[in-house]
């Protein structure tokens, strides 16, 4: 996807504060943090949203979740964090590249909004 913000970040066309990268997953700091720790974790493969996932993406999504767990531990959030993926504009998705928000560093309340 040539005009996708997160694809451009993954390809390093747009700079970001990268906190983790491997061949398939990238994590970086959110530019508008909603908690003391707020990272975005994306697959490098362009997938517009959860609704676009196929069975072929199962391992990739598992890698994203394992990355979230690893980052939560590294960032001192292992006692509590939230992993969120908004799906569709009604849920607040504004960048249509599958991504997960890793939030923590403070008490998180429910319902979130």
PDB file of N, CA and C in Angstrom:
ATOM      1  N   UNK A   1       0.868  -1.183   0.000  1.00  0.00           N
ATOM      2  CA  UNK A   1       0.000   0.000   0.000  1.00  0.00           C
ATOM      3  C   UNK A   1       0.898   1.224   0.000  1.00  0.00           C
ATOM      4  N   UNK A   2       0.860   2.010  -1.029  1.00  0.00           N
ATOM      5  CA  UNK A   2       1.813   3.104  -1.190  1.00  0.00           C
ATOM      6  C   UNK A   2       1.509   4.330  -0.344  1.00  0.00           C
ATOM      7  N   UNK A   3       0.274   4.547   0.049  1.00  0.00           N
ATOM      8  CA  UNK A   3      -0.081   5.757   0.792  1.00  0.00           C
ATOM      9  C   UNK A   3      -0.365   5.484   2.266  1.00  0.00           C
ATOM     10  N   UNK A   4      -0.006   4.330   2.761  1.00  0.00           N
ATOM     11  CA  UNK A   4      -0.307   3.950   4.131  1.00  0.00           C
ATOM     12  C   UNK A   4       0.770   4.496   5.082  1.00  0.00           C
ATOM     13  N   UNK A   5       0.348   5.255   6.075  1.00  0.00           N
ATOM     14  CA  UNK A   5       1.259   5.850   7.050  1.00  0.00           C
ATOM     15  C   UNK A   5       2.132   4.795   7.723  1.00  0.00           C
ATOM     16  N   UNK A   6       1.529   3.701   8.194  1.00  0.00           N
ATOM     17  CA  UNK A   6       2.300   2.697   8.922  1.00  0.00           C
ATOM     18  C   UNK A   6       3.212   1.894   7.997  1.00  0.00           C
ATOM     19  N   UNK A   7       2.816   1.696   6.745  1.00  0.00           N
ATOM     20  CA  UNK A   7       3.726   1.060   5.783  1.00  0.00           C
ATOM     21  C   UNK A   7       4.953   1.953   5.572  1.00  0.00           C
ATOM     22  N   UNK A   8       4.747   3.248   5.509  1.00  0.00           N
ATOM     23  CA  UNK A   8       5.868   4.177   5.347  1.00  0.00           C
ATOM     24  C   UNK A   8       6.778   4.157   6.565  1.00  0.00           C
ATOM     25  N   UNK A   9       6.206   4.030   7.760  1.00  0.00           N
ATOM     26  CA  UNK A   9       7.025   3.919   8.975  1.00  0.00           C
ATOM     27  C   UNK A   9       7.805   2.610   8.940  1.00  0.00           C
ATOM     28  N   UNK A  10       7.155   1.519   8.559  1.00  0.00           N
ATOM     29  CA  UNK A  10       7.827   0.217   8.493  1.00  0.00           C
ATOM     30  C   UNK A  10       8.972   0.221   7.482  1.00  0.00           C
ATOM     31  N   UNK A  11       8.806   0.985   6.402  1.00  0.00           N
ATOM     32  CA  UNK A  11       9.851   1.066   5.375  1.00  0.00           C
ATOM     33  C   UNK A  11      10.863   2.167   5.672  1.00  0.00           C
ATOM     34  N   UNK A  12      10.678   2.861   6.811  1.00  0.00           N
ATOM     35  CA  UNK A  12      11.576   3.920   7.276  1.00  0.00           C
ATOM     36  C   UNK A  12      11.571   5.151   6.361  1.00  0.00           C
ATOM     37  N   UNK A  13      10.475   5.335   5.632  1.00  0.00           N
ATOM     38  CA  UNK A  13      10.293   6.543   4.837  1.00  0.00           C
ATOM     39  C   UNK A  13       9.931   7.694   5.768  1.00  0.00           C
ATOM     40  N   UNK A  14       9.169   7.376   6.807  1.00  0.00           N
ATOM     41  CA  UNK A  14       8.805   8.338   7.847  1.00  0.00           C
ATOM     42  C   UNK A  14       9.503   7.893   9.128  1.00  0.00           C
ATOM     43  N   UNK A  15      10.252   8.796   9.775  1.00  0.00           N
ATOM     44  CA  UNK A  15      10.957   8.408  11.003  1.00  0.00           C
ATOM     45  C   UNK A  15       9.988   8.191  12.165  1.00  0.00           C
ATOM     46  N   UNK A  16      10.390   7.309  13.079  1.00  0.00           N
ATOM     47  CA  UNK A  16       9.611   7.074  14.293  1.00  0.00           C
ATOM     48  C   UNK A  16      10.554   6.581  15.380  1.00  0.00           C
ATOM     49  N   UNK A  17      10.062   6.565  16.598  1.00  0.00           N
ATOM     50  CA  UNK A  17      10.828   6.078  17.744  1.00  0.00           C
ATOM     51  C   UNK A  17      10.605   4.568  17.837  1.00  0.00           C
ATOM     52  N   UNK A  18      11.400   3.810  17.102  1.00  0.00           N
ATOM     53  CA  UNK A  18      11.249   2.356  17.041  1.00  0.00           C
ATOM     54  C   UNK A  18      11.796   1.745  18.332  1.00  0.00           C
ATOM     55  N   UNK A  19      10.966   0.904  18.957  1.00  0.00           N
ATOM     56  CA  UNK A  19      11.374   0.234  20.194  1.00  0.00           C
ATOM     57  C   UNK A  19      11.586  -1.263  19.986  1.00  0.00           C
ATOM     58  N   UNK A  20      11.133  -1.798  18.860  1.00  0.00           N
ATOM     59  CA  UNK A  20      11.334  -3.208  18.546  1.00  0.00           C
ATOM     60  C   UNK A  20      11.153  -3.398  17.049  1.00  0.00           C
ATOM     61  N   UNK A  21      11.993  -4.287  16.485  1.00  0.00           N
ATOM     62  CA  UNK A  21      11.831  -4.633  15.069  1.00  0.00           C
ATOM     63  C   UNK A  21      12.418  -6.011  14.817  1.00  0.00           C
ATOM     64  N   UNK A  22      11.697  -6.798  14.044  1.00  0.00           N
ATOM     65  CA  UNK A  22      12.233  -8.034  13.481  1.00  0.00           C
ATOM     66  C   UNK A  22      11.777  -8.092  12.031  1.00  0.00           C
ATOM     67  N   UNK A  23      11.868  -9.241  11.410  1.00  0.00           N
ATOM     68  CA  UNK A  23      11.520  -9.342   9.982  1.00  0.00           C
ATOM     69  C   UNK A  23      10.041  -9.110   9.695  1.00  0.00           C
ATOM     70  N   UNK A  24       9.177  -9.321  10.709  1.00  0.00           N
ATOM     71  CA  UNK A  24       7.737  -9.299  10.465  1.00  0.00           C
ATOM     72  C   UNK A  24       6.954  -8.285  11.283  1.00  0.00           C
ATOM     73  N   UNK A  25       7.545  -7.783  12.361  1.00  0.00           N
ATOM     74  CA  UNK A  25       6.831  -6.937  13.317  1.00  0.00           C
ATOM     75  C   UNK A  25       7.658  -5.697  13.622  1.00  0.00           C
ATOM     76  N   UNK A  26       6.967  -4.574  13.824  1.00  0.00           N
ATOM     77  CA  UNK A  26       7.608  -3.318  14.206  1.00  0.00           C
ATOM     78  C   UNK A  26       6.804  -2.708  15.343  1.00  0.00           C
ATOM     79  N   UNK A  27       7.502  -2.156  16.323  1.00  0.00           N
ATOM     80  CA  UNK A  27       6.838  -1.455  17.423  1.00  0.00           C
ATOM     81  C   UNK A  27       7.500  -0.091  17.586  1.00  0.00           C
ATOM     82  N   UNK A  28       6.666   0.914  17.835  1.00  0.00           N
ATOM     83  CA  UNK A  28       7.180   2.275  17.970  1.00  0.00           C
ATOM     84  C   UNK A  28       6.289   3.061  18.920  1.00  0.00           C
ATOM     85  N   UNK A  29       6.828   4.165  19.424  1.00  0.00           N
ATOM     86  CA  UNK A  29       6.088   5.005  20.356  1.00  0.00           C
ATOM     87  C   UNK A  29       4.974   5.752  19.630  1.00  0.00           C
ATOM     88  N   UNK A  30       3.814   5.818  20.285  1.00  0.00           N
ATOM     89  CA  UNK A  30       2.687   6.576  19.741  1.00  0.00           C
ATOM     90  C   UNK A  30       3.007   8.074  19.867  1.00  0.00           C
ATOM     91  N   UNK A  31       2.715   8.850  18.837  1.00  0.00           N
ATOM     92  CA  UNK A  31       3.018  10.286  18.889  1.00  0.00           C
ATOM     93  C   UNK A  31       2.012  11.068  19.730  1.00  0.00           C
ATOM     94  N   UNK A  32       0.903  10.436  20.105  1.00  0.00           N
ATOM     95  CA  UNK A  32      -0.103  11.066  20.960  1.00  0.00           C
ATOM     96  C   UNK A  32      -0.429  10.096  22.104  1.00  0.00           C
ATOM     97  N   UNK A  33       0.518   9.906  23.021  1.00  0.00           N
ATOM     98  CA  UNK A  33       0.340   8.867  24.048  1.00  0.00           C
ATOM     99  C   UNK A  33      -0.847   9.116  24.960  1.00  0.00           C
ATOM    100  N   UNK A  34      -1.575   8.021  25.251  1.00  0.00           N
ATOM    101  CA  UNK A  34      -2.741   8.064  26.126  1.00  0.00           C
ATOM    102  C   UNK A  34      -2.444   7.465  27.500  1.00  0.00           C
ATOM    103  N   UNK A  35      -1.197   7.072  27.721  1.00  0.00           N
ATOM    104  CA  UNK A  35      -0.736   6.516  28.994  1.00  0.00           C
ATOM    105  C   UNK A  35       0.766   6.768  29.056  1.00  0.00           C
ATOM    106  N   UNK A  36       1.366   6.654  30.242  1.00  0.00           N
ATOM    107  CA  UNK A  36       2.820   6.860  30.335  1.00  0.00           C
ATOM    108  C   UNK A  36       3.613   5.971  29.378  1.00  0.00           C
ATOM    109  N   UNK A  37       3.147   4.758  29.169  1.00  0.00           N
ATOM    110  CA  UNK A  37       3.721   3.890  28.142  1.00  0.00           C
ATOM    111  C   UNK A  37       2.639   3.639  27.096  1.00  0.00           C
ATOM    112  N   UNK A  38       2.901   4.031  25.874  1.00  0.00           N
ATOM    113  CA  UNK A  38       1.949   3.828  24.779  1.00  0.00           C
ATOM    114  C   UNK A  38       2.752   3.524  23.524  1.00  0.00           C
ATOM    115  N   UNK A  39       2.765   2.267  23.145  1.00  0.00           N
ATOM    116  CA  UNK A  39       3.482   1.819  21.957  1.00  0.00           C
ATOM    117  C   UNK A  39       2.483   1.269  20.947  1.00  0.00           C
ATOM    118  N   UNK A  40       2.814   1.394  19.684  1.00  0.00           N
ATOM    119  CA  UNK A  40       2.034   0.789  18.605  1.00  0.00           C
ATOM    120  C   UNK A  40       2.824  -0.379  18.057  1.00  0.00           C
ATOM    121  N   UNK A  41       2.145  -1.497  17.868  1.00  0.00           N
ATOM    122  CA  UNK A  41       2.784  -2.697  17.348  1.00  0.00           C
ATOM    123  C   UNK A  41       2.058  -3.076  16.065  1.00  0.00           C
ATOM    124  N   UNK A  42       2.827  -3.204  14.990  1.00  0.00           N
ATOM    125  CA  UNK A  42       2.231  -3.475  13.682  1.00  0.00           C
ATOM    126  C   UNK A  42       2.909  -4.659  13.012  1.00  0.00           C
ATOM    127  N   UNK A  43       2.154  -5.398  12.206  1.00  0.00           N
ATOM    128  CA  UNK A  43       2.817  -6.311  11.282  1.00  0.00           C
ATOM    129  C   UNK A  43       3.375  -5.475  10.135  1.00  0.00           C
ATOM    130  N   UNK A  44       4.514  -5.850   9.617  1.00  0.00           N
ATOM    131  CA  UNK A  44       5.066  -5.119   8.469  1.00  0.00           C
ATOM    132  C   UNK A  44       4.228  -5.360   7.214  1.00  0.00           C
ATOM    133  N   UNK A  45       3.598  -6.508   7.160  1.00  0.00           N
ATOM    134  CA  UNK A  45       2.691  -6.806   6.047  1.00  0.00           C
ATOM    135  C   UNK A  45       1.465  -5.904   6.172  1.00  0.00           C
ATOM    136  N   UNK A  46       1.052  -5.306   5.073  1.00  0.00           N
ATOM    137  CA  UNK A  46      -0.139  -4.454   5.122  1.00  0.00           C
ATOM    138  C   UNK A  46      -1.402  -5.306   5.221  1.00  0.00           C
ATOM    139  N   UNK A  47      -2.099  -5.118   6.305  1.00  0.00           N
ATOM    140  CA  UNK A  47      -3.427  -5.693   6.533  1.00  0.00           C
ATOM    141  C   UNK A  47      -4.249  -4.525   7.054  1.00  0.00           C
ATOM    142  N   UNK A  48      -5.357  -4.208   6.418  1.00  0.00           N
ATOM    143  CA  UNK A  48      -6.089  -2.989   6.755  1.00  0.00           C
ATOM    144  C   UNK A  48      -6.668  -3.010   8.170  1.00  0.00           C
ATOM    145  N   UNK A  49      -7.218  -4.136   8.607  1.00  0.00           N
ATOM    146  CA  UNK A  49      -7.834  -4.201   9.940  1.00  0.00           C
ATOM    147  C   UNK A  49      -8.010  -5.661  10.329  1.00  0.00           C
ATOM    148  N   UNK A  50      -8.514  -5.879  11.521  1.00  0.00           N
ATOM    149  CA  UNK A  50      -8.811  -7.238  11.960  1.00  0.00           C
ATOM    150  C   UNK A  50      -9.749  -7.943  10.994  1.00  0.00           C
ATOM    151  N   UNK A  51     -10.654  -7.201  10.380  1.00  0.00           N
ATOM    152  CA  UNK A  51     -11.609  -7.792   9.441  1.00  0.00           C
ATOM    153  C   UNK A  51     -10.950  -8.350   8.187  1.00  0.00           C
ATOM    154  N   UNK A  52      -9.742  -7.945   7.911  1.00  0.00           N
ATOM    155  CA  UNK A  52      -9.040  -8.397   6.709  1.00  0.00           C
ATOM    156  C   UNK A  52      -8.142  -9.603   6.969  1.00  0.00           C
ATOM    157  N   UNK A  53      -8.046 -10.055   8.225  1.00  0.00           N
ATOM    158  CA  UNK A  53      -7.187 -11.192   8.546  1.00  0.00           C
ATOM    159  C   UNK A  53      -7.679 -12.459   7.862  1.00  0.00           C
ATOM    160  N   UNK A  54      -6.731 -13.296   7.458  1.00  0.00           N
ATOM    161  CA  UNK A  54      -7.046 -14.610   6.913  1.00  0.00           C
ATOM    162  C   UNK A  54      -6.333 -15.659   7.775  1.00  0.00           C
ATOM    163  N   UNK A  55      -6.631 -16.903   7.532  1.00  0.00           N
ATOM    164  CA  UNK A  55      -5.969 -17.969   8.288  1.00  0.00           C
ATOM    165  C   UNK A  55      -4.461 -17.942   8.057  1.00  0.00           C
ATOM    166  N   UNK A  56      -4.025 -17.419   6.940  1.00  0.00           N
ATOM    167  CA  UNK A  56      -2.590 -17.303   6.663  1.00  0.00           C
ATOM    168  C   UNK A  56      -1.890 -16.323   7.593  1.00  0.00           C
ATOM    169  N   UNK A  57      -2.648 -15.447   8.246  1.00  0.00           N
ATOM    170  CA  UNK A  57      -2.084 -14.412   9.116  1.00  0.00           C
ATOM    171  C   UNK A  57      -2.022 -14.829  10.580  1.00  0.00           C
ATOM    172  N   UNK A  58      -2.449 -16.048  10.891  1.00  0.00           N
ATOM    173  CA  UNK A  58      -2.523 -16.490  12.284  1.00  0.00           C
ATOM    174  C   UNK A  58      -1.172 -16.414  12.986  1.00  0.00           C
ATOM    175  N   UNK A  59      -0.136 -16.923  12.376  1.00  0.00           N
ATOM    176  CA  UNK A  59       1.195 -16.896  12.983  1.00  0.00           C
ATOM    177  C   UNK A  59       1.682 -15.456  13.157  1.00  0.00           C
ATOM    178  N   UNK A  60       1.434 -14.629  12.171  1.00  0.00           N
ATOM    179  CA  UNK A  60       1.862 -13.234  12.226  1.00  0.00           C
ATOM    180  C   UNK A  60       1.211 -12.501  13.398  1.00  0.00           C
ATOM    181  N   UNK A  61      -0.088 -12.678  13.590  1.00  0.00           N
ATOM    182  CA  UNK A  61      -0.775 -12.025  14.704  1.00  0.00           C
ATOM    183  C   UNK A  61      -0.258 -12.567  16.033  1.00  0.00           C
ATOM    184  N   UNK A  62       0.054 -13.853  16.076  1.00  0.00           N
ATOM    185  CA  UNK A  62       0.669 -14.413  17.272  1.00  0.00           C
ATOM    186  C   UNK A  62       2.009 -13.764  17.576  1.00  0.00           C
ATOM    187  N   UNK A  63       2.783 -13.474  16.544  1.00  0.00           N
ATOM    188  CA  UNK A  63       4.066 -12.789  16.736  1.00  0.00           C
ATOM    189  C   UNK A  63       3.854 -11.380  17.273  1.00  0.00           C
ATOM    190  N   UNK A  64       2.821 -10.695  16.795  1.00  0.00           N
ATOM    191  CA  UNK A  64       2.508  -9.351  17.293  1.00  0.00           C
ATOM    192  C   UNK A  64       2.184  -9.411  18.785  1.00  0.00           C
ATOM    193  N   UNK A  65       1.376 -10.382  19.182  1.00  0.00           N
ATOM    194  CA  UNK A  65       0.981 -10.503  20.593  1.00  0.00           C
ATOM    195  C   UNK A  65       2.180 -10.893  21.454  1.00  0.00           C
ATOM    196  N   UNK A  66       3.026 -11.775  20.967  1.00  0.00           N
ATOM    197  CA  UNK A  66       4.243 -12.113  21.709  1.00  0.00           C
ATOM    198  C   UNK A  66       5.149 -10.888  21.858  1.00  0.00           C
ATOM    199  N   UNK A  67       5.204 -10.053  20.843  1.00  0.00           N
ATOM    200  CA  UNK A  67       5.979  -8.820  20.919  1.00  0.00           C
ATOM    201  C   UNK A  67       5.409  -7.902  21.996  1.00  0.00           C
ATOM    202  N   UNK A  68       4.092  -7.816  22.069  1.00  0.00           N
ATOM    203  CA  UNK A  68       3.457  -6.990  23.105  1.00  0.00           C
ATOM    204  C   UNK A  68       3.844  -7.482  24.495  1.00  0.00           C
ATOM    205  N   UNK A  69       3.783  -8.773  24.696  1.00  0.00           N
ATOM    206  CA  UNK A  69       4.155  -9.359  25.992  1.00  0.00           C
ATOM    207  C   UNK A  69       5.608  -9.041  26.333  1.00  0.00           C
ATOM    208  N   UNK A  70       6.490  -9.219  25.366  1.00  0.00           N
ATOM    209  CA  UNK A  70       7.916  -8.946  25.565  1.00  0.00           C
ATOM    210  C   UNK A  70       8.152  -7.466  25.900  1.00  0.00           C
ATOM    211  N   UNK A  71       7.524  -6.572  25.158  1.00  0.00           N
ATOM    212  CA  UNK A  71       7.685  -5.140  25.410  1.00  0.00           C
ATOM    213  C   UNK A  71       7.122  -4.748  26.768  1.00  0.00           C
ATOM    214  N   UNK A  72       5.980  -5.309  27.136  1.00  0.00           N
ATOM    215  CA  UNK A  72       5.382  -4.998  28.435  1.00  0.00           C
ATOM    216  C   UNK A  72       6.358  -5.345  29.557  1.00  0.00           C
ATOM    217  N   UNK A  73       7.004  -6.480  29.435  1.00  0.00           N
ATOM    218  CA  UNK A  73       7.990  -6.879  30.439  1.00  0.00           C
ATOM    219  C   UNK A  73       9.181  -5.929  30.440  1.00  0.00           C
ATOM    220  N   UNK A  74       9.711  -5.628  29.271  1.00  0.00           N
ATOM    221  CA  UNK A  74      10.876  -4.741  29.158  1.00  0.00           C
ATOM    222  C   UNK A  74      10.587  -3.339  29.680  1.00  0.00           C
ATOM    223  N   UNK A  75       9.344  -2.890  29.516  1.00  0.00           N
ATOM    224  CA  UNK A  75       8.975  -1.533  29.917  1.00  0.00           C
ATOM    225  C   UNK A  75       8.414  -1.464  31.336  1.00  0.00           C
ATOM    226  N   UNK A  76       8.482  -2.571  32.063  1.00  0.00           N
ATOM    227  CA  UNK A  76       8.050  -2.589  33.457  1.00  0.00           C
ATOM    228  C   UNK A  76       6.554  -2.616  33.652  1.00  0.00           C
ATOM    229  N   UNK A  77       5.822  -3.184  32.682  1.00  0.00           N
ATOM    230  CA  UNK A  77       4.360  -3.214  32.760  1.00  0.00           C
ATOM    231  C   UNK A  77       3.805  -4.610  32.998  1.00  0.00           C
ATOM    232  N   UNK A  78       4.626  -5.556  33.400  1.00  0.00           N
ATOM    233  CA  UNK A  78       4.152  -6.936  33.483  1.00  0.00           C
ATOM    234  C   UNK A  78       3.040  -7.128  34.517  1.00  0.00           C
ATOM    235  N   UNK A  79       2.870  -6.194  35.453  1.00  0.00           N
ATOM    236  CA  UNK A  79       1.769  -6.308  36.423  1.00  0.00           C
ATOM    237  C   UNK A  79       0.440  -5.826  35.870  1.00  0.00           C
ATOM    238  N   UNK A  80       0.469  -5.131  34.751  1.00  0.00           N
ATOM    239  CA  UNK A  80      -0.785  -4.684  34.151  1.00  0.00           C
ATOM    240  C   UNK A  80      -0.571  -3.802  32.938  1.00  0.00           C
ATOM    241  N   UNK A  81      -1.225  -4.182  31.875  1.00  0.00           N
ATOM    242  CA  UNK A  81      -1.186  -3.401  30.644  1.00  0.00           C
ATOM    243  C   UNK A  81      -2.417  -3.747  29.825  1.00  0.00           C
ATOM    244  N   UNK A  82      -2.657  -2.966  28.812  1.00  0.00           N
ATOM    245  CA  UNK A  82      -3.796  -3.207  27.923  1.00  0.00           C
ATOM    246  C   UNK A  82      -3.281  -3.292  26.491  1.00  0.00           C
ATOM    247  N   UNK A  83      -3.824  -4.232  25.738  1.00  0.00           N
ATOM    248  CA  UNK A  83      -3.511  -4.384  24.324  1.00  0.00           C
ATOM    249  C   UNK A  83      -4.821  -4.217  23.565  1.00  0.00           C
ATOM    250  N   UNK A  84      -4.882  -3.210  22.698  1.00  0.00           N
ATOM    251  CA  UNK A  84      -6.131  -2.826  22.039  1.00  0.00           C
ATOM    252  C   UNK A  84      -5.907  -2.716  20.535  1.00  0.00           C
ATOM    253  N   UNK A  85      -6.882  -3.217  19.772  1.00  0.00           N
ATOM    254  CA  UNK A  85      -6.904  -2.989  18.336  1.00  0.00           C
ATOM    255  C   UNK A  85      -8.295  -2.500  17.956  1.00  0.00           C
ATOM    256  N   UNK A  86      -8.380  -1.280  17.474  1.00  0.00           N
ATOM    257  CA  UNK A  86      -9.650  -0.730  17.011  1.00  0.00           C
ATOM    258  C   UNK A  86      -9.905  -1.249  15.604  1.00  0.00           C
ATOM    259  N   UNK A  87     -11.135  -1.656  15.351  1.00  0.00           N
ATOM    260  CA  UNK A  87     -11.483  -2.229  14.054  1.00  0.00           C
ATOM    261  C   UNK A  87     -12.618  -1.422  13.436  1.00  0.00           C
ATOM    262  N   UNK A  88     -12.272  -0.611  12.448  1.00  0.00           N
ATOM    263  CA  UNK A  88     -13.258   0.207  11.752  1.00  0.00           C
ATOM    264  C   UNK A  88     -13.363   1.606  12.332  1.00  0.00           C
ATOM    265  N   UNK A  89     -13.863   2.515  11.514  1.00  0.00           N
ATOM    266  CA  UNK A  89     -13.944   3.920  11.928  1.00  0.00           C
ATOM    267  C   UNK A  89     -14.881   4.131  13.114  1.00  0.00           C
ATOM    268  N   UNK A  90     -15.955   3.349  13.235  1.00  0.00           N
ATOM    269  CA  UNK A  90     -16.854   3.498  14.387  1.00  0.00           C
ATOM    270  C   UNK A  90     -16.176   3.125  15.700  1.00  0.00           C
ATOM    271  N   UNK A  91     -15.142   2.310  15.631  1.00  0.00           N
ATOM    272  CA  UNK A  91     -14.386   1.931  16.833  1.00  0.00           C
ATOM    273  C   UNK A  91     -13.199   2.853  17.079  1.00  0.00           C
ATOM    274  N   UNK A  92     -12.985   3.814  16.188  1.00  0.00           N
ATOM    275  CA  UNK A  92     -11.898   4.770  16.369  1.00  0.00           C
ATOM    276  C   UNK A  92     -10.651   4.483  15.554  1.00  0.00           C
ATOM    277  N   UNK A  93     -10.712   3.504  14.649  1.00  0.00           N
ATOM    278  CA  UNK A  93      -9.542   3.237  13.817  1.00  0.00           C
ATOM    279  C   UNK A  93      -9.372   4.389  12.833  1.00  0.00           C
ATOM    280  N   UNK A  94      -8.202   5.029  12.872  1.00  0.00           N
ATOM    281  CA  UNK A  94      -7.954   6.154  11.970  1.00  0.00           C
ATOM    282  C   UNK A  94      -6.852   5.846  10.957  1.00  0.00           C
ATOM    283  N   UNK A  95      -6.003   4.867  11.251  1.00  0.00           N
ATOM    284  CA  UNK A  95      -4.995   4.409  10.290  1.00  0.00           C
ATOM    285  C   UNK A  95      -5.375   2.981   9.918  1.00  0.00           C
ATOM    286  N   UNK A  96      -5.664   2.770   8.659  1.00  0.00           N
ATOM    287  CA  UNK A  96      -6.153   1.461   8.213  1.00  0.00           C
ATOM    288  C   UNK A  96      -4.997   0.553   7.792  1.00  0.00           C
ATOM    289  N   UNK A  97      -4.207   0.247   8.815  1.00  0.00           N
ATOM    290  CA  UNK A  97      -3.146  -0.761   8.795  1.00  0.00           C
ATOM    291  C   UNK A  97      -3.262  -1.398  10.174  1.00  0.00           C
ATOM    292  N   UNK A  98      -3.451  -2.703  10.214  1.00  0.00           N
ATOM    293  CA  UNK A  98      -3.639  -3.391  11.485  1.00  0.00           C
ATOM    294  C   UNK A  98      -2.569  -2.963  12.488  1.00  0.00           C
ATOM    295  N   UNK A  99      -3.015  -2.542  13.661  1.00  0.00           N
ATOM    296  CA  UNK A  99      -2.077  -2.154  14.708  1.00  0.00           C
ATOM    297  C   UNK A  99      -2.709  -2.374  16.070  1.00  0.00           C
ATOM    298  N   UNK A 100      -1.841  -2.584  17.034  1.00  0.00           N
ATOM    299  CA  UNK A 100      -2.261  -2.805  18.405  1.00  0.00           C
ATOM    300  C   UNK A 100      -1.621  -1.745  19.281  1.00  0.00           C
ATOM    301  N   UNK A 101      -2.423  -1.161  20.155  1.00  0.00           N
ATOM    302  CA  UNK A 101      -1.932  -0.198  21.131  1.00  0.00           C
ATOM    303  C   UNK A 101      -1.550  -0.963  22.390  1.00  0.00           C
ATOM    304  N   UNK A 102      -0.323  -0.798  22.833  1.00  0.00           N
ATOM    305  CA  UNK A 102       0.135  -1.347  24.101  1.00  0.00           C
ATOM    306  C   UNK A 102       0.187  -0.182  25.077  1.00  0.00           C
ATOM    307  N   UNK A 103      -0.693  -0.228  26.086  1.00  0.00           N
ATOM    308  CA  UNK A 103      -0.836   0.877  27.039  1.00  0.00           C
ATOM    309  C   UNK A 103      -0.549   0.402  28.450  1.00  0.00           C
ATOM    310  N   UNK A 104       0.142   1.221  29.214  1.00  0.00           N
ATOM    311  CA  UNK A 104       0.401   0.878  30.608  1.00  0.00           C
ATOM    312  C   UNK A 104       1.165   1.994  31.293  1.00  0.00           C
ATOM    313  N   UNK A 105       1.649   1.660  32.475  1.00  0.00           N
ATOM    314  CA  UNK A 105       2.391   2.644  33.250  1.00  0.00           C
ATOM    315  C   UNK A 105       1.521   3.421  34.225  1.00  0.00           C
ATOM    316  N   UNK A 106       0.256   3.099  34.269  1.00  0.00           N
ATOM    317  CA  UNK A 106      -0.686   3.689  35.227  1.00  0.00           C
ATOM    318  C   UNK A 106      -1.882   2.744  35.321  1.00  0.00           C
ATOM    319  N   UNK A 107      -2.744   2.978  36.320  1.00  0.00           N
ATOM    320  CA  UNK A 107      -3.961   2.186  36.423  1.00  0.00           C
ATOM    321  C   UNK A 107      -4.863   2.496  35.223  1.00  0.00           C
ATOM    322  N   UNK A 108      -5.374   1.479  34.591  1.00  0.00           N
ATOM    323  CA  UNK A 108      -6.266   1.630  33.446  1.00  0.00           C
ATOM    324  C   UNK A 108      -7.677   1.241  33.891  1.00  0.00           C
ATOM    325  N   UNK A 109      -8.623   2.092  33.616  1.00  0.00           N
ATOM    326  CA  UNK A 109      -9.980   1.890  34.108  1.00  0.00           C
ATOM    327  C   UNK A 109     -10.879   1.283  33.036  1.00  0.00           C
ATOM    328  N   UNK A 110     -12.018   0.747  33.464  1.00  0.00           N
ATOM    329  CA  UNK A 110     -12.975   0.151  32.562  1.00  0.00           C
ATOM    330  C   UNK A 110     -14.351   0.687  32.869  1.00  0.00           C
ATOM    331  N   UNK A 111     -15.194   0.999  31.945  1.00  0.00           N
ATOM    332  CA  UNK A 111     -14.956   0.866  30.500  1.00  0.00           C
ATOM    333  C   UNK A 111     -14.042   1.966  30.002  1.00  0.00           C
ATOM    334  N   UNK A 112     -13.313   1.682  28.906  1.00  0.00           N
ATOM    335  CA  UNK A 112     -12.329   2.638  28.413  1.00  0.00           C
ATOM    336  C   UNK A 112     -12.923   3.838  27.698  1.00  0.00           C
ATOM    337  N   UNK A 113     -14.146   3.772  27.231  1.00  0.00           N
ATOM    338  CA  UNK A 113     -14.682   4.929  26.521  1.00  0.00           C
ATOM    339  C   UNK A 113     -15.891   4.538  25.806  1.00  0.00           C
TER     340      UNK A 113
END
